[in-house]
Amino acid sequence: MPSPQSDQWTSEGEHQINTAQEGPATCNQEREASNYERVKAYLAGHPEAKVRDVAEVLKISVSTANKWMIRIKGKRS
C-alpha cells in the first residue's frame, strides 16, 4: 500500500502536467487570434491577394492563410 506522501506526489505531478498543458493551448489561441487579425488586415488592403501571397508576406503556412481567408471572406458575403 503506497504511503500518503506518494499519493500526494502523484496528485502534484498530475497537476503539474495539467498546468503545463494549459500553457501551450493559451499560446495557440493567442497565435490564432493574431493570425486572424493579420490576415484580415492584409486582405483589407489587398482584397484580391492569393493564398500563397498572403502566406509568404505574413510568414504563415499556406494552410493557415487559407483557413483564415475562407473564414474572413465568408463573413463578408
Protein backbone atom coordinates (compact mmCIF):
# COMPACT_ATOMS: atom_id res chain seq x y z
CA MET A 1 0.00 0.00 0.00
CA PRO A 2 1.53 3.36 -1.02
CA SER A 3 2.19 5.98 1.60
CA PRO A 4 0.14 9.21 1.62
CA GLN A 5 3.24 11.12 0.54
CA SER A 6 3.43 9.00 -2.58
CA ASP A 7 -0.23 9.73 -3.41
CA GLN A 8 0.31 13.43 -2.77
CA TRP A 9 3.30 13.47 -5.12
CA THR A 10 1.21 11.77 -7.81
CA SER A 11 -1.51 14.39 -7.40
CA GLU A 12 1.03 17.17 -7.60
CA GLY A 13 2.64 15.54 -10.62
CA GLU A 14 -0.71 15.27 -12.37
CA HIS A 15 -1.47 18.89 -11.52
CA GLN A 16 1.87 19.96 -12.95
CA ILE A 17 1.13 18.07 -16.16
CA ASN A 18 -2.32 19.67 -16.43
CA THR A 19 -0.89 23.14 -15.81
CA ALA A 20 1.77 22.57 -18.45
CA GLN A 21 -0.89 21.50 -20.94
CA GLU A 22 -2.87 24.71 -20.36
CA GLY A 23 0.08 26.95 -21.28
CA PRO A 24 0.51 25.91 -24.91
CA ALA A 25 -3.25 25.97 -25.52
CA THR A 26 -3.42 29.59 -24.41
CA CYS A 27 -0.42 30.43 -26.54
CA ASN A 28 -2.03 28.72 -29.55
CA GLN A 29 -5.26 30.65 -29.03
CA GLU A 30 -3.36 33.93 -28.92
CA ARG A 31 -1.41 33.00 -32.04
CA GLU A 32 -4.61 32.02 -33.87
CA ALA A 33 -6.27 35.31 -32.92
CA SER A 34 -3.18 37.17 -34.04
CA ASN A 35 -3.06 35.30 -37.38
CA TYR A 36 -6.75 36.02 -37.94
CA GLU A 37 -6.21 39.74 -37.35
CA ARG A 38 -3.08 39.83 -39.51
CA VAL A 39 -4.79 38.08 -42.44
CA LYS A 40 -7.87 40.29 -42.05
CA ALA A 41 -5.75 43.46 -42.06
CA TYR A 42 -3.74 42.32 -45.07
CA LEU A 43 -6.87 41.44 -47.04
CA ALA A 44 -8.35 44.86 -46.26
CA GLY A 45 -5.53 46.42 -48.26
CA HIS A 46 -5.15 43.58 -50.77
CA PRO A 47 -8.61 42.11 -51.38
CA GLU A 48 -7.53 40.17 -54.47
CA ALA A 49 -4.46 38.58 -52.83
CA LYS A 50 -3.89 34.88 -53.44
CA VAL A 51 -3.42 32.40 -50.60
CA ARG A 52 0.26 31.87 -51.38
CA ASP A 53 0.90 35.62 -51.43
CA VAL A 54 -0.75 36.09 -48.02
CA ALA A 55 1.19 33.17 -46.57
CA GLU A 56 4.51 34.45 -47.91
CA VAL A 57 4.03 38.06 -46.82
CA LEU A 58 2.77 37.17 -43.33
CA LYS A 59 5.23 34.30 -42.84
CA ILE A 60 2.50 31.74 -42.10
CA SER A 61 1.74 28.41 -43.72
CA VAL A 62 -0.42 28.21 -46.83
CA SER A 63 -2.96 26.11 -44.92
CA THR A 64 -3.18 28.72 -42.14
CA ALA A 65 -3.59 31.54 -44.65
CA ASN A 66 -6.24 29.54 -46.50
CA LYS A 67 -8.16 28.78 -43.30
CA TRP A 68 -8.36 32.43 -42.27
CA MET A 69 -9.05 33.72 -45.77
CA ILE A 70 -12.02 31.37 -46.11
CA ARG A 71 -13.42 32.47 -42.75
CA ILE A 72 -12.85 36.17 -43.40
CA LYS A 73 -14.27 36.10 -46.92
CA GLY A 74 -17.24 34.07 -45.68
CA LYS A 75 -18.11 36.83 -43.21
CA ARG A 76 -18.03 39.45 -45.98
CA SER A 77 -20.60 37.65 -48.11
